[in-house]
Amino acid sequence: MKVASALALTATLASAFTPNAVPFTRRSTSLKMAVTTAQIKELREATGAGMMDCKKVLTEFDGDVEAAAEELRKKGLAKADKKASRVAAEGKIAVASSGGKTVLVEVNCETDFVAKDGSFSDFADKAAAAAVNLDGDSVDALMAAPVDGSTLEEVRAGLVSKIGENIQVRRFASRGGEGTTTGAYVHMNRIGVLVEIEGGSEELCTDIAMHVAAMNPAYATKDDVPAEDIEKEREILTAQVADSGKPEDIVKKMVEGRLNKFLSENCLVSQQYVKTNDKTVGKLLEENGAKMVGFTRIAVGEGIEKKVDDFAAEVAAMAKGGK
């Protein structure tokens, strides 16, 4: 028994001096201030960063919440820059009104899940509230506008850090001025319409905006149709009836008839009002002593090329890489 114990002790001592032995590591004697749960909570509420990120940076800065928040902000800005190249084709249309002026703002994100997030929605509303106080439609000017003690751009970057998606204020549009009435309608946060009229009421504008959201007319009135668009349509219609064998004067009447139909279908005031379907929008305006000035319609993601993921190809590529 004594021999076995001696052999075991010898083996233990020998292993301590072999090249493969784990080297002795001296523990750091530097003192760090203990980070409290309250500090982590305060930093999380201030920055929206993750709990472990907050704890790590608080430890690094000895519990200094202000310095830790600044460091997280720096890291958040770096993360926002990395995400800026990702396609953001989802999002929300936000609306705001002030002093007879109404604005629509399109704010984009990457997924419909984030588009429904409360923090994202609040940011879009703040962007609209800032936009209504600006002259012009410069997005750069909007991003430099003051919001919550920072600029809108700084708030955006912080939200990117918190949510983890590319978020962009893409555009905004406004209508309204002296002697006109404006109203807006936003459908499911994805389609926004502004309507501006002379006379009438905000309620009338909103009703017509709902019609525009549904029917998507190309023009407000026939006077708004560019001459080149009319001529192009006339050429197309003439080509369609060129081989009809009818006399030239009859062909011209056919073309003009079809052209008038085209204009009626594509001009707002000539369309049947969808809410009642018993009069045109122009007649509705006339009955309310109003005259059409114009409208603006924007939809989330229109014109943005969305990335389509091929899940099968992605899995195949992963499998191939694993071989």
C-alpha atoms as a PDB file:
ATOM      1  CA  MET A   1       0.000   0.000   0.000  1.00  0.00           C
ATOM      2  CA  LYS A   2       2.858   2.355   0.900  1.00  0.00           C
ATOM      3  CA  VAL A   3       4.618   1.473  -2.353  1.00  0.00           C
ATOM      4  CA  ALA A   4       1.494   2.289  -4.402  1.00  0.00           C
ATOM      5  CA  SER A   5       1.091   5.638  -2.645  1.00  0.00           C
ATOM      6  CA  ALA A   6       4.713   6.492  -3.255  1.00  0.00           C
ATOM      7  CA  LEU A   7       4.436   5.648  -6.951  1.00  0.00           C
ATOM      8  CA  ALA A   8       1.335   7.810  -7.286  1.00  0.00           C
ATOM      9  CA  LEU A   9       3.072  10.751  -5.592  1.00  0.00           C
ATOM     10  CA  THR A  10       6.096  10.342  -7.843  1.00  0.00           C
ATOM     11  CA  ALA A  11       3.910  10.355 -10.983  1.00  0.00           C
ATOM     12  CA  THR A  12       2.143  13.494  -9.836  1.00  0.00           C
ATOM     13  CA  LEU A  13       5.392  15.338  -9.185  1.00  0.00           C
ATOM     14  CA  ALA A  14       6.840  14.227 -12.500  1.00  0.00           C
ATOM     15  CA  SER A  15       3.847  15.450 -14.468  1.00  0.00           C
ATOM     16  CA  ALA A  16       4.246  18.916 -13.028  1.00  0.00           C
ATOM     17  CA  PHE A  17       7.642  19.262 -14.711  1.00  0.00           C
ATOM     18  CA  THR A  18       6.771  17.765 -18.131  1.00  0.00           C
ATOM     19  CA  PRO A  19       6.522  20.075 -21.196  1.00  0.00           C
ATOM     20  CA  ASN A  20       2.780  19.343 -21.535  1.00  0.00           C
ATOM     21  CA  ALA A  21       1.937  20.477 -18.042  1.00  0.00           C
ATOM     22  CA  VAL A  22      -0.499  23.351 -17.707  1.00  0.00           C
ATOM     23  CA  PRO A  23       1.553  26.450 -16.853  1.00  0.00           C
ATOM     24  CA  PHE A  24       0.878  28.251 -13.632  1.00  0.00           C
ATOM     25  CA  THR A  25      -1.151  31.405 -14.165  1.00  0.00           C
ATOM     26  CA  ARG A  26      -1.041  34.198 -11.649  1.00  0.00           C
ATOM     27  CA  ARG A  27      -4.427  35.744 -10.991  1.00  0.00           C
ATOM     28  CA  SER A  28      -4.748  39.466 -11.587  1.00  0.00           C
ATOM     29  CA  THR A  29      -4.636  41.475  -8.415  1.00  0.00           C
ATOM     30  CA  SER A  30      -6.118  44.624  -9.985  1.00  0.00           C
ATOM     31  CA  LEU A  31      -9.346  45.674  -8.272  1.00  0.00           C
ATOM     32  CA  LYS A  32     -12.470  46.356 -10.322  1.00  0.00           C
ATOM     33  CA  MET A  33     -15.595  47.988  -8.957  1.00  0.00           C
ATOM     34  CA  ALA A  34     -18.435  45.494  -8.727  1.00  0.00           C
ATOM     35  CA  VAL A  35     -21.169  46.146 -11.277  1.00  0.00           C
ATOM     36  CA  THR A  36     -24.649  46.225  -9.770  1.00  0.00           C
ATOM     37  CA  THR A  37     -27.891  45.019 -11.295  1.00  0.00           C
ATOM     38  CA  ALA A  38     -29.272  48.540 -11.013  1.00  0.00           C
ATOM     39  CA  GLN A  39     -26.406  49.913 -13.135  1.00  0.00           C
ATOM     40  CA  ILE A  40     -26.966  47.270 -15.803  1.00  0.00           C
ATOM     41  CA  LYS A  41     -30.693  48.051 -15.861  1.00  0.00           C
ATOM     42  CA  GLU A  42     -30.033  51.799 -16.117  1.00  0.00           C
ATOM     43  CA  LEU A  43     -27.621  51.316 -19.018  1.00  0.00           C
ATOM     44  CA  ARG A  44     -29.984  48.944 -20.823  1.00  0.00           C
ATOM     45  CA  GLU A  45     -32.854  51.422 -20.538  1.00  0.00           C
ATOM     46  CA  ALA A  46     -30.650  54.244 -21.772  1.00  0.00           C
ATOM     47  CA  THR A  47     -29.140  52.415 -24.730  1.00  0.00           C
ATOM     48  CA  GLY A  48     -31.333  49.409 -25.511  1.00  0.00           C
ATOM     49  CA  ALA A  49     -28.189  47.243 -25.676  1.00  0.00           C
ATOM     50  CA  GLY A  50     -28.066  43.612 -24.532  1.00  0.00           C
ATOM     51  CA  MET A  51     -27.563  42.697 -20.887  1.00  0.00           C
ATOM     52  CA  MET A  52     -24.168  41.017 -21.370  1.00  0.00           C
ATOM     53  CA  ASP A  53     -22.916  43.915 -23.491  1.00  0.00           C
ATOM     54  CA  CYS A  54     -23.973  46.333 -20.753  1.00  0.00           C
ATOM     55  CA  LYS A  55     -22.316  44.276 -18.022  1.00  0.00           C
ATOM     56  CA  LYS A  56     -19.077  43.947 -19.994  1.00  0.00           C
ATOM     57  CA  VAL A  57     -18.722  47.632 -20.773  1.00  0.00           C
ATOM     58  CA  LEU A  58     -19.732  48.666 -17.225  1.00  0.00           C
ATOM     59  CA  THR A  59     -17.013  46.406 -15.847  1.00  0.00           C
ATOM     60  CA  GLU A  60     -14.536  47.964 -18.268  1.00  0.00           C
ATOM     61  CA  PHE A  61     -15.461  51.476 -17.097  1.00  0.00           C
ATOM     62  CA  ASP A  62     -15.735  50.670 -13.365  1.00  0.00           C
ATOM     63  CA  GLY A  63     -19.491  51.171 -13.232  1.00  0.00           C
ATOM     64  CA  ASP A  64     -19.492  54.597 -14.917  1.00  0.00           C
ATOM     65  CA  VAL A  65     -22.879  54.476 -16.684  1.00  0.00           C
ATOM     66  CA  GLU A  66     -22.307  57.636 -18.712  1.00  0.00           C
ATOM     67  CA  ALA A  67     -18.918  56.502 -20.035  1.00  0.00           C
ATOM     68  CA  ALA A  68     -20.308  53.019 -20.702  1.00  0.00           C
ATOM     69  CA  ALA A  69     -23.244  54.480 -22.644  1.00  0.00           C
ATOM     70  CA  GLU A  70     -20.844  56.518 -24.780  1.00  0.00           C
ATOM     71  CA  GLU A  71     -18.776  53.413 -25.510  1.00  0.00           C
ATOM     72  CA  LEU A  72     -21.880  51.410 -26.462  1.00  0.00           C
ATOM     73  CA  ARG A  73     -22.951  54.252 -28.677  1.00  0.00           C
ATOM     74  CA  LYS A  74     -19.615  54.131 -30.466  1.00  0.00           C
ATOM     75  CA  LYS A  75     -19.967  50.396 -30.945  1.00  0.00           C
ATOM     76  CA  GLY A  76     -23.563  50.835 -32.015  1.00  0.00           C
ATOM     77  CA  LEU A  77     -22.600  53.321 -34.684  1.00  0.00           C
ATOM     78  CA  ALA A  78     -20.029  50.875 -36.039  1.00  0.00           C
ATOM     79  CA  LYS A  79     -22.659  48.146 -36.182  1.00  0.00           C
ATOM     80  CA  ALA A  80     -25.076  50.495 -37.953  1.00  0.00           C
ATOM     81  CA  ASP A  81     -22.493  51.178 -40.642  1.00  0.00           C
ATOM     82  CA  LYS A  82     -22.028  47.452 -41.251  1.00  0.00           C
ATOM     83  CA  LYS A  83     -25.775  46.933 -41.636  1.00  0.00           C
ATOM     84  CA  ALA A  84     -26.292  49.900 -43.962  1.00  0.00           C
ATOM     85  CA  SER A  85     -25.558  47.833 -47.087  1.00  0.00           C
ATOM     86  CA  ARG A  86     -28.333  45.327 -46.382  1.00  0.00           C
ATOM     87  CA  VAL A  87     -31.591  45.635 -48.312  1.00  0.00           C
ATOM     88  CA  ALA A  88     -34.322  47.382 -46.321  1.00  0.00           C
ATOM     89  CA  ALA A  89     -37.564  47.006 -48.274  1.00  0.00           C
ATOM     90  CA  GLU A  90     -40.051  46.539 -45.430  1.00  0.00           C
ATOM     91  CA  GLY A  91     -41.133  49.295 -43.095  1.00  0.00           C
ATOM     92  CA  LYS A  92     -43.801  51.833 -42.278  1.00  0.00           C
ATOM     93  CA  ILE A  93     -45.423  54.992 -43.629  1.00  0.00           C
ATOM     94  CA  ALA A  94     -45.834  57.540 -40.828  1.00  0.00           C
ATOM     95  CA  VAL A  95     -47.957  60.702 -40.993  1.00  0.00           C
ATOM     96  CA  ALA A  96     -47.926  64.009 -39.133  1.00  0.00           C
ATOM     97  CA  SER A  97     -49.806  67.306 -39.495  1.00  0.00           C
ATOM     98  CA  SER A  98     -49.179  70.830 -38.252  1.00  0.00           C
ATOM     99  CA  GLY A  99     -50.413  74.273 -39.259  1.00  0.00           C
ATOM    100  CA  GLY A 100     -52.293  73.109 -42.349  1.00  0.00           C
ATOM    101  CA  LYS A 101     -49.352  71.036 -43.583  1.00  0.00           C
ATOM    102  CA  THR A 102     -49.335  67.238 -43.697  1.00  0.00           C
ATOM    103  CA  VAL A 103     -46.359  64.945 -44.322  1.00  0.00           C
ATOM    104  CA  LEU A 104     -45.791  61.284 -45.077  1.00  0.00           C
ATOM    105  CA  VAL A 105     -42.463  59.653 -44.192  1.00  0.00           C
ATOM    106  CA  GLU A 106     -41.291  56.243 -45.413  1.00  0.00           C
ATOM    107  CA  VAL A 107     -38.998  54.458 -42.964  1.00  0.00           C
ATOM    108  CA  ASN A 108     -37.555  51.113 -44.074  1.00  0.00           C
ATOM    109  CA  CYS A 109     -36.257  48.036 -42.303  1.00  0.00           C
ATOM    110  CA  GLU A 110     -35.310  44.528 -43.429  1.00  0.00           C
ATOM    111  CA  THR A 111     -38.184  42.378 -42.157  1.00  0.00           C
ATOM    112  CA  ASP A 112     -41.917  42.745 -41.564  1.00  0.00           C
ATOM    113  CA  PHE A 113     -41.315  41.463 -38.027  1.00  0.00           C
ATOM    114  CA  VAL A 114     -39.275  44.572 -37.164  1.00  0.00           C
ATOM    115  CA  ALA A 115     -41.776  46.745 -39.064  1.00  0.00           C
ATOM    116  CA  LYS A 116     -44.315  45.774 -36.386  1.00  0.00           C
ATOM    117  CA  ASP A 117     -41.915  46.435 -33.491  1.00  0.00           C
ATOM    118  CA  GLY A 118     -42.949  49.205 -31.109  1.00  0.00           C
ATOM    119  CA  SER A 119     -39.520  50.861 -31.027  1.00  0.00           C
ATOM    120  CA  PHE A 120     -39.378  50.963 -34.834  1.00  0.00           C
ATOM    121  CA  SER A 121     -42.899  52.381 -35.034  1.00  0.00           C
ATOM    122  CA  ASP A 122     -42.066  55.068 -32.469  1.00  0.00           C
ATOM    123  CA  PHE A 123     -38.981  56.055 -34.472  1.00  0.00           C
ATOM    124  CA  ALA A 124     -41.039  56.399 -37.663  1.00  0.00           C
ATOM    125  CA  ASP A 125     -43.545  58.618 -35.835  1.00  0.00           C
ATOM    126  CA  LYS A 126     -40.714  60.806 -34.493  1.00  0.00           C
ATOM    127  CA  ALA A 127     -39.331  61.118 -38.019  1.00  0.00           C
ATOM    128  CA  ALA A 128     -42.729  62.316 -39.262  1.00  0.00           C
ATOM    129  CA  ALA A 129     -43.060  64.779 -36.382  1.00  0.00           C
ATOM    130  CA  ALA A 130     -39.647  66.223 -37.256  1.00  0.00           C
ATOM    131  CA  ALA A 131     -40.392  66.325 -40.994  1.00  0.00           C
ATOM    132  CA  VAL A 132     -43.562  68.401 -40.623  1.00  0.00           C
ATOM    133  CA  ASN A 133     -41.471  71.271 -39.246  1.00  0.00           C
ATOM    134  CA  LEU A 134     -39.046  71.346 -42.183  1.00  0.00           C
ATOM    135  CA  ASP A 135     -39.153  73.259 -45.448  1.00  0.00           C
ATOM    136  CA  GLY A 136     -38.515  71.184 -48.554  1.00  0.00           C
ATOM    137  CA  ASP A 137     -38.077  67.419 -48.760  1.00  0.00           C
ATOM    138  CA  SER A 138     -34.365  66.883 -48.040  1.00  0.00           C
ATOM    139  CA  VAL A 139     -33.748  63.637 -46.176  1.00  0.00           C
ATOM    140  CA  ASP A 140     -30.305  64.926 -45.133  1.00  0.00           C
ATOM    141  CA  ALA A 141     -31.922  67.909 -43.464  1.00  0.00           C
ATOM    142  CA  LEU A 142     -34.425  65.618 -41.772  1.00  0.00           C
ATOM    143  CA  MET A 143     -31.699  63.338 -40.401  1.00  0.00           C
ATOM    144  CA  ALA A 144     -29.964  66.384 -38.905  1.00  0.00           C
ATOM    145  CA  ALA A 145     -33.170  67.557 -37.210  1.00  0.00           C
ATOM    146  CA  PRO A 146     -33.185  67.565 -33.380  1.00  0.00           C
ATOM    147  CA  VAL A 147     -35.029  64.661 -31.731  1.00  0.00           C
ATOM    148  CA  ASP A 148     -34.928  63.750 -28.019  1.00  0.00           C
ATOM    149  CA  GLY A 149     -31.772  65.764 -27.382  1.00  0.00           C
ATOM    150  CA  SER A 150     -29.933  64.172 -30.309  1.00  0.00           C
ATOM    151  CA  THR A 151     -30.297  64.233 -34.078  1.00  0.00           C
ATOM    152  CA  LEU A 152     -32.667  61.897 -35.878  1.00  0.00           C
ATOM    153  CA  GLU A 153     -29.618  60.187 -37.416  1.00  0.00           C
ATOM    154  CA  GLU A 154     -28.173  59.448 -33.983  1.00  0.00           C
ATOM    155  CA  VAL A 155     -31.498  58.048 -32.816  1.00  0.00           C
ATOM    156  CA  ARG A 156     -31.633  55.890 -35.952  1.00  0.00           C
ATOM    157  CA  ALA A 157     -28.131  54.534 -35.368  1.00  0.00           C
ATOM    158  CA  GLY A 158     -28.997  53.667 -31.782  1.00  0.00           C
ATOM    159  CA  LEU A 159     -32.099  51.812 -32.956  1.00  0.00           C
ATOM    160  CA  VAL A 160     -30.010  49.832 -35.455  1.00  0.00           C
ATOM    161  CA  SER A 161     -27.752  48.767 -32.588  1.00  0.00           C
ATOM    162  CA  LYS A 162     -30.728  47.754 -30.463  1.00  0.00           C
ATOM    163  CA  ILE A 163     -32.773  45.910 -33.113  1.00  0.00           C
ATOM    164  CA  GLY A 164     -29.958  44.579 -35.289  1.00  0.00           C
ATOM    165  CA  GLU A 165     -31.394  45.489 -38.704  1.00  0.00           C
ATOM    166  CA  ASN A 166     -30.635  48.110 -41.307  1.00  0.00           C
ATOM    167  CA  ILE A 167     -33.079  50.987 -40.773  1.00  0.00           C
ATOM    168  CA  GLN A 168     -33.290  53.907 -43.182  1.00  0.00           C
ATOM    169  CA  VAL A 169     -35.438  56.995 -43.601  1.00  0.00           C
ATOM    170  CA  ARG A 170     -35.944  56.740 -47.340  1.00  0.00           C
ATOM    171  CA  ARG A 171     -38.092  59.756 -48.276  1.00  0.00           C
ATOM    172  CA  PHE A 172     -40.861  62.076 -47.224  1.00  0.00           C
ATOM    173  CA  ALA A 173     -43.487  64.140 -48.996  1.00  0.00           C
ATOM    174  CA  SER A 174     -45.618  67.061 -47.886  1.00  0.00           C
ATOM    175  CA  ARG A 175     -48.679  69.001 -49.008  1.00  0.00           C
ATOM    176  CA  GLY A 176     -50.559  72.011 -47.710  1.00  0.00           C
ATOM    177  CA  GLY A 177     -50.413  75.762 -47.768  1.00  0.00           C
ATOM    178  CA  GLU A 178     -52.461  78.912 -47.508  1.00  0.00           C
ATOM    179  CA  GLY A 179     -55.950  78.538 -48.935  1.00  0.00           C
ATOM    180  CA  THR A 180     -55.860  74.744 -49.252  1.00  0.00           C
ATOM    181  CA  THR A 181     -57.078  71.824 -47.187  1.00  0.00           C
ATOM    182  CA  THR A 182     -55.091  68.624 -46.717  1.00  0.00           C
ATOM    183  CA  GLY A 183     -55.796  65.170 -45.374  1.00  0.00           C
ATOM    184  CA  ALA A 184     -54.075  61.824 -45.277  1.00  0.00           C
ATOM    185  CA  TYR A 185     -54.809  58.138 -45.150  1.00  0.00           C
ATOM    186  CA  VAL A 186     -52.372  55.333 -44.329  1.00  0.00           C
ATOM    187  CA  HIS A 187     -53.423  51.791 -45.163  1.00  0.00           C
ATOM    188  CA  MET A 188     -51.940  49.028 -42.978  1.00  0.00           C
ATOM    189  CA  ASN A 189     -48.839  51.208 -42.412  1.00  0.00           C
ATOM    190  CA  ARG A 190     -47.731  50.348 -45.973  1.00  0.00           C
ATOM    191  CA  ILE A 191     -49.522  52.752 -48.328  1.00  0.00           C
ATOM    192  CA  GLY A 192     -49.746  56.453 -47.588  1.00  0.00           C
ATOM    193  CA  VAL A 193     -51.726  59.098 -49.465  1.00  0.00           C
ATOM    194  CA  LEU A 194     -51.878  62.883 -49.140  1.00  0.00           C
ATOM    195  CA  VAL A 195     -54.715  64.804 -50.783  1.00  0.00           C
ATOM    196  CA  GLU A 196     -54.827  68.578 -51.189  1.00  0.00           C
ATOM    197  CA  ILE A 197     -57.933  70.472 -52.268  1.00  0.00           C
ATOM    198  CA  GLU A 198     -59.300  73.995 -52.372  1.00  0.00           C
ATOM    199  CA  GLY A 199     -62.312  74.294 -50.107  1.00  0.00           C
ATOM    200  CA  GLY A 200     -63.904  71.199 -48.627  1.00  0.00           C
ATOM    201  CA  SER A 201     -62.805  69.611 -45.380  1.00  0.00           C
ATOM    202  CA  GLU A 202     -60.070  67.411 -43.951  1.00  0.00           C
ATOM    203  CA  GLU A 203     -62.619  64.584 -43.759  1.00  0.00           C
ATOM    204  CA  LEU A 204     -63.295  64.916 -47.494  1.00  0.00           C
ATOM    205  CA  CYS A 205     -59.539  64.780 -48.165  1.00  0.00           C
ATOM    206  CA  THR A 206     -59.255  61.619 -46.086  1.00  0.00           C
ATOM    207  CA  ASP A 207     -62.144  59.963 -47.947  1.00  0.00           C
ATOM    208  CA  ILE A 208     -60.532  60.755 -51.298  1.00  0.00           C
ATOM    209  CA  ALA A 209     -57.155  59.592 -49.979  1.00  0.00           C
ATOM    210  CA  MET A 210     -58.731  56.209 -49.193  1.00  0.00           C
ATOM    211  CA  HIS A 211     -59.938  56.056 -52.806  1.00  0.00           C
ATOM    212  CA  VAL A 212     -56.425  56.857 -54.083  1.00  0.00           C
ATOM    213  CA  ALA A 213     -54.926  54.155 -51.882  1.00  0.00           C
ATOM    214  CA  ALA A 214     -57.309  51.599 -53.363  1.00  0.00           C
ATOM    215  CA  MET A 215     -57.398  52.652 -57.033  1.00  0.00           C
ATOM    216  CA  ASN A 216     -53.902  54.101 -57.487  1.00  0.00           C
ATOM    217  CA  PRO A 217     -54.713  56.652 -60.216  1.00  0.00           C
ATOM    218  CA  ALA A 218     -51.785  57.888 -62.287  1.00  0.00           C
ATOM    219  CA  TYR A 219     -52.908  61.531 -62.420  1.00  0.00           C
ATOM    220  CA  ALA A 220     -55.142  63.926 -60.468  1.00  0.00           C
ATOM    221  CA  THR A 221     -56.847  65.599 -63.443  1.00  0.00           C
ATOM    222  CA  LYS A 222     -56.575  65.475 -67.234  1.00  0.00           C
ATOM    223  CA  ASP A 223     -54.615  68.735 -67.084  1.00  0.00           C
ATOM    224  CA  ASP A 224     -51.909  66.899 -65.109  1.00  0.00           C
ATOM    225  CA  VAL A 225     -51.279  64.346 -67.867  1.00  0.00           C
ATOM    226  CA  PRO A 226     -48.056  65.218 -69.755  1.00  0.00           C
ATOM    227  CA  ALA A 227     -48.547  65.840 -73.484  1.00  0.00           C
ATOM    228  CA  GLU A 228     -46.003  63.139 -74.323  1.00  0.00           C
ATOM    229  CA  ASP A 229     -48.002  60.559 -72.343  1.00  0.00           C
ATOM    230  CA  ILE A 230     -51.169  61.423 -74.267  1.00  0.00           C
ATOM    231  CA  GLU A 231     -49.382  61.249 -77.614  1.00  0.00           C
ATOM    232  CA  LYS A 232     -47.778  57.923 -76.752  1.00  0.00           C
ATOM    233  CA  GLU A 233     -51.144  56.441 -75.781  1.00  0.00           C
ATOM    234  CA  ARG A 234     -52.708  57.830 -78.980  1.00  0.00           C
ATOM    235  CA  GLU A 235     -49.998  56.103 -81.050  1.00  0.00           C
ATOM    236  CA  ILE A 236     -50.629  52.789 -79.299  1.00  0.00           C
ATOM    237  CA  LEU A 237     -54.393  53.029 -79.791  1.00  0.00           C
ATOM    238  CA  THR A 238     -53.984  54.025 -83.458  1.00  0.00           C
ATOM    239  CA  ALA A 239     -51.795  50.972 -84.070  1.00  0.00           C
ATOM    240  CA  GLN A 240     -54.446  48.755 -82.472  1.00  0.00           C
ATOM    241  CA  VAL A 241     -57.154  49.824 -84.928  1.00  0.00           C
ATOM    242  CA  ALA A 242     -54.982  50.436 -88.003  1.00  0.00           C
ATOM    243  CA  ASP A 243     -55.994  47.139 -89.603  1.00  0.00           C
ATOM    244  CA  SER A 244     -59.704  47.480 -88.850  1.00  0.00           C
ATOM    245  CA  GLY A 245     -60.483  48.435 -92.469  1.00  0.00           C
ATOM    246  CA  LYS A 246     -62.652  51.346 -91.326  1.00  0.00           C
ATOM    247  CA  PRO A 247     -62.512  54.827 -92.889  1.00  0.00           C
ATOM    248  CA  GLU A 248     -59.896  57.212 -91.524  1.00  0.00           C
ATOM    249  CA  ASP A 249     -62.421  59.534 -89.874  1.00  0.00           C
ATOM    250  CA  ILE A 250     -64.023  56.564 -88.080  1.00  0.00           C
ATOM    251  CA  VAL A 251     -60.591  55.351 -86.957  1.00  0.00           C
ATOM    252  CA  LYS A 252     -59.841  58.787 -85.479  1.00  0.00           C
ATOM    253  CA  LYS A 253     -63.119  58.773 -83.557  1.00  0.00           C
ATOM    254  CA  MET A 254     -62.378  55.263 -82.260  1.00  0.00           C
ATOM    255  CA  VAL A 255     -58.921  56.344 -81.113  1.00  0.00           C
ATOM    256  CA  GLU A 256     -60.214  59.493 -79.397  1.00  0.00           C
ATOM    257  CA  GLY A 257     -62.973  57.494 -77.710  1.00  0.00           C
ATOM    258  CA  ARG A 258     -60.504  54.985 -76.348  1.00  0.00           C
ATOM    259  CA  LEU A 259     -58.132  57.784 -75.328  1.00  0.00           C
ATOM    260  CA  ASN A 260     -60.901  59.469 -73.332  1.00  0.00           C
ATOM    261  CA  LYS A 261     -61.606  56.132 -71.664  1.00  0.00           C
ATOM    262  CA  PHE A 262     -57.921  55.788 -70.794  1.00  0.00           C
ATOM    263  CA  LEU A 263     -57.910  59.258 -69.227  1.00  0.00           C
ATOM    264  CA  SER A 264     -61.126  58.571 -67.319  1.00  0.00           C
ATOM    265  CA  GLU A 265     -59.686  55.373 -65.871  1.00  0.00           C
ATOM    266  CA  ASN A 266     -56.353  56.929 -64.914  1.00  0.00           C
ATOM    267  CA  CYS A 267     -57.334  60.415 -63.705  1.00  0.00           C
ATOM    268  CA  LEU A 268     -58.559  60.660 -60.126  1.00  0.00           C
ATOM    269  CA  VAL A 269     -61.409  63.109 -60.679  1.00  0.00           C
ATOM    270  CA  SER A 270     -62.842  60.965 -63.512  1.00  0.00           C
ATOM    271  CA  GLN A 271     -62.858  57.690 -61.571  1.00  0.00           C
ATOM    272  CA  GLN A 272     -65.947  56.258 -59.911  1.00  0.00           C
ATOM    273  CA  TYR A 273     -65.748  56.997 -56.190  1.00  0.00           C
ATOM    274  CA  VAL A 274     -65.205  53.574 -54.617  1.00  0.00           C
ATOM    275  CA  LYS A 275     -66.932  54.342 -51.319  1.00  0.00           C
ATOM    276  CA  THR A 276     -70.355  54.801 -52.930  1.00  0.00           C
ATOM    277  CA  ASN A 277     -69.777  53.835 -56.583  1.00  0.00           C
ATOM    278  CA  ASP A 278     -72.592  56.173 -57.660  1.00  0.00           C
ATOM    279  CA  LYS A 279     -70.596  59.254 -58.719  1.00  0.00           C
ATOM    280  CA  THR A 280     -67.147  60.319 -59.847  1.00  0.00           C
ATOM    281  CA  VAL A 281     -64.594  61.819 -57.499  1.00  0.00           C
ATOM    282  CA  GLY A 282     -64.963  65.042 -59.458  1.00  0.00           C
ATOM    283  CA  LYS A 283     -68.704  65.083 -58.745  1.00  0.00           C
ATOM    284  CA  LEU A 284     -68.021  64.401 -55.058  1.00  0.00           C
ATOM    285  CA  LEU A 285     -65.720  67.425 -54.951  1.00  0.00           C
ATOM    286  CA  GLU A 286     -68.297  69.571 -56.737  1.00  0.00           C
ATOM    287  CA  GLU A 287     -71.032  68.608 -54.272  1.00  0.00           C
ATOM    288  CA  ASN A 288     -68.779  69.724 -51.420  1.00  0.00           C
ATOM    289  CA  GLY A 289     -67.740  73.002 -53.005  1.00  0.00           C
ATOM    290  CA  ALA A 290     -64.165  71.812 -53.454  1.00  0.00           C
ATOM    291  CA  LYS A 291     -61.610  71.620 -56.237  1.00  0.00           C
ATOM    292  CA  MET A 292     -58.771  69.140 -56.678  1.00  0.00           C
ATOM    293  CA  VAL A 293     -55.238  70.488 -56.251  1.00  0.00           C
ATOM    294  CA  GLY A 294     -53.307  67.229 -56.227  1.00  0.00           C
ATOM    295  CA  PHE A 295     -52.338  64.063 -54.386  1.00  0.00           C
ATOM    296  CA  THR A 296     -49.221  62.146 -53.394  1.00  0.00           C
ATOM    297  CA  ARG A 297     -49.165  58.365 -52.974  1.00  0.00           C
ATOM    298  CA  ILE A 298     -46.209  56.360 -51.653  1.00  0.00           C
ATOM    299  CA  ALA A 299     -45.928  52.678 -50.802  1.00  0.00           C
ATOM    300  CA  VAL A 300     -43.370  50.924 -48.631  1.00  0.00           C
ATOM    301  CA  GLY A 301     -40.511  49.451 -50.636  1.00  0.00           C
ATOM    302  CA  GLU A 302     -41.746  50.468 -54.095  1.00  0.00           C
ATOM    303  CA  GLY A 303     -38.811  50.611 -56.477  1.00  0.00           C
ATOM    304  CA  ILE A 304     -36.500  48.711 -54.121  1.00  0.00           C
ATOM    305  CA  GLU A 305     -35.181  45.441 -55.479  1.00  0.00           C
ATOM    306  CA  LYS A 306     -35.776  42.846 -52.780  1.00  0.00           C
ATOM    307  CA  LYS A 307     -33.379  39.985 -52.195  1.00  0.00           C
ATOM    308  CA  VAL A 308     -35.057  36.611 -52.725  1.00  0.00           C
ATOM    309  CA  ASP A 309     -33.441  33.879 -50.661  1.00  0.00           C
ATOM    310  CA  ASP A 310     -33.103  30.432 -52.232  1.00  0.00           C
ATOM    311  CA  PHE A 311     -33.340  28.247 -49.138  1.00  0.00           C
ATOM    312  CA  ALA A 312     -32.640  24.989 -51.000  1.00  0.00           C
ATOM    313  CA  ALA A 313     -29.519  26.432 -52.612  1.00  0.00           C
ATOM    314  CA  GLU A 314     -28.379  27.798 -49.253  1.00  0.00           C
ATOM    315  CA  VAL A 315     -28.736  24.398 -47.582  1.00  0.00           C
ATOM    316  CA  ALA A 316     -26.941  22.711 -50.494  1.00  0.00           C
ATOM    317  CA  ALA A 317     -24.077  25.166 -50.224  1.00  0.00           C
ATOM    318  CA  MET A 318     -23.786  24.544 -46.497  1.00  0.00           C
ATOM    319  CA  ALA A 319     -23.783  20.788 -47.041  1.00  0.00           C
ATOM    320  CA  LYS A 320     -21.107  21.097 -49.731  1.00  0.00           C
ATOM    321  CA  GLY A 321     -18.966  23.251 -47.466  1.00  0.00           C
ATOM    322  CA  GLY A 322     -19.216  20.679 -44.716  1.00  0.00           C
ATOM    323  CA  LYS A 323     -17.691  17.904 -46.820  1.00  0.00           C
END
